[in-house]
């Protein structure tokens, strides 16, 4: 990670939900078990550092004009959109329901972050090449500085994951490791 400090941050945990983390789901991601402990460590450290921790869950679109429904045969609904039980979420932490790749599209996320005075968004979760990527890019366009916890994200396969991180690093976000972020949080407190 570049030496530029993280300022007024929030941790954004993207789509850690049953649809991607439950082994019985048709969209189960094999790497989800590997990244979940890192996500939980980041969330615990973010709370300790006083950062807001915000979660997103992807939901089936309610509007037929939403092109997500045209693109995918199956989108999460009902319990598939619930936060994964292995996620160490605290009562009162915001859960943003979204119907697009970007967590900013059609949600109250921008207003919530601005209300909390957030400048930098640290992202982790799934899928790196879809929702994490699009949220980071959209966030940059809205004036937030994205930082990706690269080893606390995963995609359908490692190729998509690596390609997304490479593109994000080039023009949209800083990419860090979980340990690097945890070290930066410890130094800041």
C-alpha atoms as a PDB file:
ATOM      1  CA  UNK A   1       0.000   0.000   0.000  1.00  0.00           C
ATOM      2  CA  UNK A   2       1.243   3.490  -0.749  1.00  0.00           C
ATOM      3  CA  UNK A   3       2.337   5.543   2.218  1.00  0.00           C
ATOM      4  CA  UNK A   4      -0.682   7.832   1.861  1.00  0.00           C
ATOM      5  CA  UNK A   5      -2.603   7.510   5.129  1.00  0.00           C
ATOM      6  CA  UNK A   6      -6.161   6.327   5.343  1.00  0.00           C
ATOM      7  CA  UNK A   7      -8.290   9.273   6.469  1.00  0.00           C
ATOM      8  CA  UNK A   8     -11.759   9.260   7.997  1.00  0.00           C
ATOM      9  CA  UNK A   9     -12.339   5.641   6.943  1.00  0.00           C
ATOM     10  CA  UNK A  10     -15.203   3.183   6.937  1.00  0.00           C
ATOM     11  CA  UNK A  11     -15.028  -0.557   6.343  1.00  0.00           C
ATOM     12  CA  UNK A  12     -17.432  -1.722   3.648  1.00  0.00           C
ATOM     13  CA  UNK A  13     -18.065  -5.485   3.742  1.00  0.00           C
ATOM     14  CA  UNK A  14     -19.532  -6.404   0.360  1.00  0.00           C
ATOM     15  CA  UNK A  15     -22.057  -9.233  -0.043  1.00  0.00           C
ATOM     16  CA  UNK A  16     -20.905 -11.653   2.665  1.00  0.00           C
ATOM     17  CA  UNK A  17     -24.228 -13.433   2.487  1.00  0.00           C
ATOM     18  CA  UNK A  18     -25.632 -16.948   2.270  1.00  0.00           C
ATOM     19  CA  UNK A  19     -25.809 -16.831  -1.529  1.00  0.00           C
ATOM     20  CA  UNK A  20     -22.005 -16.772  -1.857  1.00  0.00           C
ATOM     21  CA  UNK A  21     -20.845 -18.355   1.438  1.00  0.00           C
ATOM     22  CA  UNK A  22     -23.273 -21.257   2.039  1.00  0.00           C
ATOM     23  CA  UNK A  23     -21.910 -24.475   0.511  1.00  0.00           C
ATOM     24  CA  UNK A  24     -25.444 -25.496  -0.586  1.00  0.00           C
ATOM     25  CA  UNK A  25     -25.936 -22.361  -2.695  1.00  0.00           C
ATOM     26  CA  UNK A  26     -25.652 -22.530  -6.504  1.00  0.00           C
ATOM     27  CA  UNK A  27     -23.412 -19.431  -6.294  1.00  0.00           C
ATOM     28  CA  UNK A  28     -21.110 -20.746  -3.527  1.00  0.00           C
ATOM     29  CA  UNK A  29     -17.571 -19.386  -3.863  1.00  0.00           C
ATOM     30  CA  UNK A  30     -14.895 -21.908  -2.882  1.00  0.00           C
ATOM     31  CA  UNK A  31     -12.542 -19.164  -1.665  1.00  0.00           C
ATOM     32  CA  UNK A  32     -15.177 -17.721   0.688  1.00  0.00           C
ATOM     33  CA  UNK A  33     -14.026 -19.893   3.607  1.00  0.00           C
ATOM     34  CA  UNK A  34     -10.478 -18.568   3.173  1.00  0.00           C
ATOM     35  CA  UNK A  35     -11.447 -14.887   3.216  1.00  0.00           C
ATOM     36  CA  UNK A  36     -14.081 -14.952   5.989  1.00  0.00           C
ATOM     37  CA  UNK A  37     -11.577 -14.985   8.901  1.00  0.00           C
ATOM     38  CA  UNK A  38      -9.761 -12.008   7.344  1.00  0.00           C
ATOM     39  CA  UNK A  39     -13.025 -10.104   6.964  1.00  0.00           C
ATOM     40  CA  UNK A  40     -13.926 -10.784  10.590  1.00  0.00           C
ATOM     41  CA  UNK A  41     -10.461  -9.628  11.734  1.00  0.00           C
ATOM     42  CA  UNK A  42     -10.794  -6.425   9.695  1.00  0.00           C
ATOM     43  CA  UNK A  43     -14.251  -5.721  11.130  1.00  0.00           C
ATOM     44  CA  UNK A  44     -13.061  -6.261  14.718  1.00  0.00           C
ATOM     45  CA  UNK A  45     -10.062  -3.978  14.207  1.00  0.00           C
ATOM     46  CA  UNK A  46     -12.178  -1.345  12.437  1.00  0.00           C
ATOM     47  CA  UNK A  47     -14.590  -1.244  15.382  1.00  0.00           C
ATOM     48  CA  UNK A  48     -11.690  -0.928  17.809  1.00  0.00           C
ATOM     49  CA  UNK A  49     -10.278   1.951  15.727  1.00  0.00           C
ATOM     50  CA  UNK A  50     -13.676   3.680  15.744  1.00  0.00           C
ATOM     51  CA  UNK A  51     -14.428   3.146  12.052  1.00  0.00           C
ATOM     52  CA  UNK A  52     -17.994   2.623  10.892  1.00  0.00           C
ATOM     53  CA  UNK A  53     -18.508  -0.958   9.662  1.00  0.00           C
ATOM     54  CA  UNK A  54     -21.142  -1.206   6.939  1.00  0.00           C
ATOM     55  CA  UNK A  55     -22.386  -4.369   5.234  1.00  0.00           C
ATOM     56  CA  UNK A  56     -24.062  -4.863   1.873  1.00  0.00           C
ATOM     57  CA  UNK A  57     -26.209  -7.737   0.670  1.00  0.00           C
ATOM     58  CA  UNK A  58     -27.232  -8.316  -2.919  1.00  0.00           C
ATOM     59  CA  UNK A  59     -30.957  -8.836  -3.513  1.00  0.00           C
ATOM     60  CA  UNK A  60     -33.059  -9.819  -6.508  1.00  0.00           C
ATOM     61  CA  UNK A  61     -34.238  -6.658  -8.301  1.00  0.00           C
ATOM     62  CA  UNK A  62     -37.743  -5.496  -7.577  1.00  0.00           C
ATOM     63  CA  UNK A  63     -37.923  -3.587 -10.869  1.00  0.00           C
ATOM     64  CA  UNK A  64     -38.159  -5.611 -14.071  1.00  0.00           C
ATOM     65  CA  UNK A  65     -36.283  -2.855 -15.897  1.00  0.00           C
ATOM     66  CA  UNK A  66     -33.196  -3.556 -13.783  1.00  0.00           C
ATOM     67  CA  UNK A  67     -30.779  -5.204 -16.219  1.00  0.00           C
ATOM     68  CA  UNK A  68     -29.287  -7.398 -13.484  1.00  0.00           C
ATOM     69  CA  UNK A  69     -32.349  -9.628 -13.884  1.00  0.00           C
ATOM     70  CA  UNK A  70     -31.771  -9.851 -17.637  1.00  0.00           C
ATOM     71  CA  UNK A  71     -28.083 -10.693 -17.145  1.00  0.00           C
ATOM     72  CA  UNK A  72     -28.407 -13.468 -14.546  1.00  0.00           C
ATOM     73  CA  UNK A  73     -30.760 -16.467 -14.485  1.00  0.00           C
ATOM     74  CA  UNK A  74     -30.791 -16.558 -10.697  1.00  0.00           C
ATOM     75  CA  UNK A  75     -30.270 -13.704  -8.267  1.00  0.00           C
ATOM     76  CA  UNK A  76     -30.398 -13.995  -4.484  1.00  0.00           C
ATOM     77  CA  UNK A  77     -33.725 -13.651  -2.706  1.00  0.00           C
ATOM     78  CA  UNK A  78     -35.085 -14.400   0.739  1.00  0.00           C
ATOM     79  CA  UNK A  79     -32.597 -16.189   3.007  1.00  0.00           C
ATOM     80  CA  UNK A  80     -29.983 -16.152   0.217  1.00  0.00           C
ATOM     81  CA  UNK A  81     -29.685 -12.397   0.804  1.00  0.00           C
ATOM     82  CA  UNK A  82     -29.236 -12.724   4.574  1.00  0.00           C
ATOM     83  CA  UNK A  83     -25.781 -11.948   5.998  1.00  0.00           C
ATOM     84  CA  UNK A  84     -23.809 -15.182   6.369  1.00  0.00           C
ATOM     85  CA  UNK A  85     -24.020 -16.518   9.959  1.00  0.00           C
ATOM     86  CA  UNK A  86     -20.213 -16.879  10.181  1.00  0.00           C
ATOM     87  CA  UNK A  87     -19.880 -13.128   9.770  1.00  0.00           C
ATOM     88  CA  UNK A  88     -19.198 -11.520  13.155  1.00  0.00           C
ATOM     89  CA  UNK A  89     -21.607  -8.637  12.680  1.00  0.00           C
ATOM     90  CA  UNK A  90     -22.718  -6.498  15.597  1.00  0.00           C
ATOM     91  CA  UNK A  91     -26.250  -5.381  16.280  1.00  0.00           C
ATOM     92  CA  UNK A  92     -26.765  -1.856  15.024  1.00  0.00           C
ATOM     93  CA  UNK A  93     -24.223  -2.009  12.197  1.00  0.00           C
ATOM     94  CA  UNK A  94     -25.795  -0.915   8.932  1.00  0.00           C
ATOM     95  CA  UNK A  95     -26.817  -3.495   6.337  1.00  0.00           C
ATOM     96  CA  UNK A  96     -27.423  -1.947   2.920  1.00  0.00           C
ATOM     97  CA  UNK A  97     -29.643  -3.914   0.521  1.00  0.00           C
ATOM     98  CA  UNK A  98     -28.613  -3.431  -3.089  1.00  0.00           C
ATOM     99  CA  UNK A  99     -29.951  -4.540  -6.448  1.00  0.00           C
ATOM    100  CA  UNK A 100     -26.956  -3.540  -8.590  1.00  0.00           C
ATOM    101  CA  UNK A 101     -23.235  -4.300  -8.625  1.00  0.00           C
ATOM    102  CA  UNK A 102     -22.526  -0.903  -7.074  1.00  0.00           C
ATOM    103  CA  UNK A 103     -23.454  -0.478  -3.423  1.00  0.00           C
ATOM    104  CA  UNK A 104     -24.008   3.212  -4.202  1.00  0.00           C
ATOM    105  CA  UNK A 105     -26.659   2.684  -6.917  1.00  0.00           C
ATOM    106  CA  UNK A 106     -30.178   3.183  -5.580  1.00  0.00           C
ATOM    107  CA  UNK A 107     -29.183   2.898  -1.905  1.00  0.00           C
ATOM    108  CA  UNK A 108     -28.599   5.370   0.892  1.00  0.00           C
ATOM    109  CA  UNK A 109     -24.891   4.513   1.140  1.00  0.00           C
ATOM    110  CA  UNK A 110     -23.580   7.859  -0.145  1.00  0.00           C
ATOM    111  CA  UNK A 111     -25.666   9.831   2.355  1.00  0.00           C
ATOM    112  CA  UNK A 112     -24.693   7.478   5.200  1.00  0.00           C
ATOM    113  CA  UNK A 113     -20.972   7.829   4.477  1.00  0.00           C
ATOM    114  CA  UNK A 114     -21.193  11.612   4.123  1.00  0.00           C
ATOM    115  CA  UNK A 115     -23.166  11.876   7.373  1.00  0.00           C
ATOM    116  CA  UNK A 116     -20.369   9.984   9.133  1.00  0.00           C
ATOM    117  CA  UNK A 117     -17.709  12.206   7.512  1.00  0.00           C
ATOM    118  CA  UNK A 118     -16.100   9.269   5.682  1.00  0.00           C
ATOM    119  CA  UNK A 119     -13.372  10.025   3.162  1.00  0.00           C
ATOM    120  CA  UNK A 120     -11.812   6.591   2.520  1.00  0.00           C
ATOM    121  CA  UNK A 121     -13.693   3.329   2.035  1.00  0.00           C
ATOM    122  CA  UNK A 122     -11.878   0.082   2.756  1.00  0.00           C
ATOM    123  CA  UNK A 123     -13.591  -2.716   0.838  1.00  0.00           C
ATOM    124  CA  UNK A 124     -13.584  -6.469   1.355  1.00  0.00           C
ATOM    125  CA  UNK A 125     -15.948  -9.238   0.324  1.00  0.00           C
ATOM    126  CA  UNK A 126     -17.244 -10.657  -2.944  1.00  0.00           C
ATOM    127  CA  UNK A 127     -17.030 -10.745  -5.904  1.00  0.00           C
ATOM    128  CA  UNK A 128     -13.841  -8.841  -6.573  1.00  0.00           C
ATOM    129  CA  UNK A 129     -14.501  -8.474 -10.306  1.00  0.00           C
ATOM    130  CA  UNK A 130     -18.157  -7.480 -10.004  1.00  0.00           C
ATOM    131  CA  UNK A 131     -19.571  -5.848  -6.857  1.00  0.00           C
ATOM    132  CA  UNK A 132     -16.307  -4.943  -5.108  1.00  0.00           C
ATOM    133  CA  UNK A 133     -14.847  -3.511  -8.327  1.00  0.00           C
ATOM    134  CA  UNK A 134     -17.969  -1.571  -9.324  1.00  0.00           C
ATOM    135  CA  UNK A 135     -18.482  -0.200  -5.819  1.00  0.00           C
ATOM    136  CA  UNK A 136     -14.851   0.961  -5.646  1.00  0.00           C
ATOM    137  CA  UNK A 137     -15.030   2.660  -9.048  1.00  0.00           C
ATOM    138  CA  UNK A 138     -18.392   4.279  -8.300  1.00  0.00           C
ATOM    139  CA  UNK A 139     -17.127   5.399  -4.901  1.00  0.00           C
ATOM    140  CA  UNK A 140     -14.136   7.107  -6.504  1.00  0.00           C
ATOM    141  CA  UNK A 141     -16.454   8.965  -8.888  1.00  0.00           C
ATOM    142  CA  UNK A 142     -18.460  10.147  -5.861  1.00  0.00           C
ATOM    143  CA  UNK A 143     -15.353  11.482  -4.089  1.00  0.00           C
ATOM    144  CA  UNK A 144     -14.459   8.578  -1.793  1.00  0.00           C
ATOM    145  CA  UNK A 145     -10.957   7.107  -1.855  1.00  0.00           C
ATOM    146  CA  UNK A 146     -11.187   3.299  -2.175  1.00  0.00           C
ATOM    147  CA  UNK A 147      -8.746   0.886  -0.559  1.00  0.00           C
ATOM    148  CA  UNK A 148      -9.187  -2.803  -1.372  1.00  0.00           C
ATOM    149  CA  UNK A 149      -8.223  -5.501   1.127  1.00  0.00           C
ATOM    150  CA  UNK A 150      -7.108  -7.744  -1.723  1.00  0.00           C
ATOM    151  CA  UNK A 151      -6.666 -10.933   0.295  1.00  0.00           C
ATOM    152  CA  UNK A 152     -10.066 -10.433   1.982  1.00  0.00           C
ATOM    153  CA  UNK A 153     -11.897 -10.553  -1.368  1.00  0.00           C
ATOM    154  CA  UNK A 154     -12.579 -13.350  -3.817  1.00  0.00           C
ATOM    155  CA  UNK A 155     -14.292 -14.059  -7.110  1.00  0.00           C
ATOM    156  CA  UNK A 156     -15.662 -16.972  -9.058  1.00  0.00           C
ATOM    157  CA  UNK A 157     -12.078 -17.906  -9.900  1.00  0.00           C
ATOM    158  CA  UNK A 158      -8.589 -16.616  -9.160  1.00  0.00           C
ATOM    159  CA  UNK A 159      -8.148 -15.200 -12.658  1.00  0.00           C
ATOM    160  CA  UNK A 160     -11.086 -12.821 -12.320  1.00  0.00           C
ATOM    161  CA  UNK A 161      -9.868 -11.836  -8.846  1.00  0.00           C
ATOM    162  CA  UNK A 162      -6.290 -11.061  -9.957  1.00  0.00           C
ATOM    163  CA  UNK A 163      -7.444  -9.184 -13.067  1.00  0.00           C
ATOM    164  CA  UNK A 164      -9.843  -7.028 -11.048  1.00  0.00           C
ATOM    165  CA  UNK A 165      -7.173  -6.143  -8.476  1.00  0.00           C
ATOM    166  CA  UNK A 166      -4.705  -5.295 -11.243  1.00  0.00           C
ATOM    167  CA  UNK A 167      -7.185  -2.942 -12.941  1.00  0.00           C
ATOM    168  CA  UNK A 168      -8.316  -1.375  -9.666  1.00  0.00           C
ATOM    169  CA  UNK A 169      -4.705  -0.783  -8.593  1.00  0.00           C
ATOM    170  CA  UNK A 170      -3.935   0.888 -11.919  1.00  0.00           C
ATOM    171  CA  UNK A 171      -6.507   3.649 -11.840  1.00  0.00           C
ATOM    172  CA  UNK A 172      -9.116   3.411  -9.121  1.00  0.00           C
ATOM    173  CA  UNK A 173      -7.944   2.189  -5.723  1.00  0.00           C
ATOM    174  CA  UNK A 174      -5.098   1.331  -3.453  1.00  0.00           C
ATOM    175  CA  UNK A 175      -4.768  -2.400  -2.843  1.00  0.00           C
ATOM    176  CA  UNK A 176      -3.533  -3.612   0.529  1.00  0.00           C
ATOM    177  CA  UNK A 177      -3.287  -6.849   2.484  1.00  0.00           C
ATOM    178  CA  UNK A 178      -5.307  -7.594   5.587  1.00  0.00           C
ATOM    179  CA  UNK A 179      -2.126  -7.613   7.682  1.00  0.00           C
ATOM    180  CA  UNK A 180      -1.044  -4.277   6.197  1.00  0.00           C
ATOM    181  CA  UNK A 181      -4.398  -2.722   7.041  1.00  0.00           C
ATOM    182  CA  UNK A 182      -4.420  -4.217  10.536  1.00  0.00           C
ATOM    183  CA  UNK A 183      -0.941  -2.784  11.118  1.00  0.00           C
ATOM    184  CA  UNK A 184      -2.040   0.650   9.910  1.00  0.00           C
ATOM    185  CA  UNK A 185      -5.093   0.517  12.211  1.00  0.00           C
ATOM    186  CA  UNK A 186      -2.950  -0.470  15.197  1.00  0.00           C
ATOM    187  CA  UNK A 187      -0.551   2.414  14.557  1.00  0.00           C
ATOM    188  CA  UNK A 188      -3.428   4.891  14.261  1.00  0.00           C
ATOM    189  CA  UNK A 189      -4.992   4.016  17.623  1.00  0.00           C
END
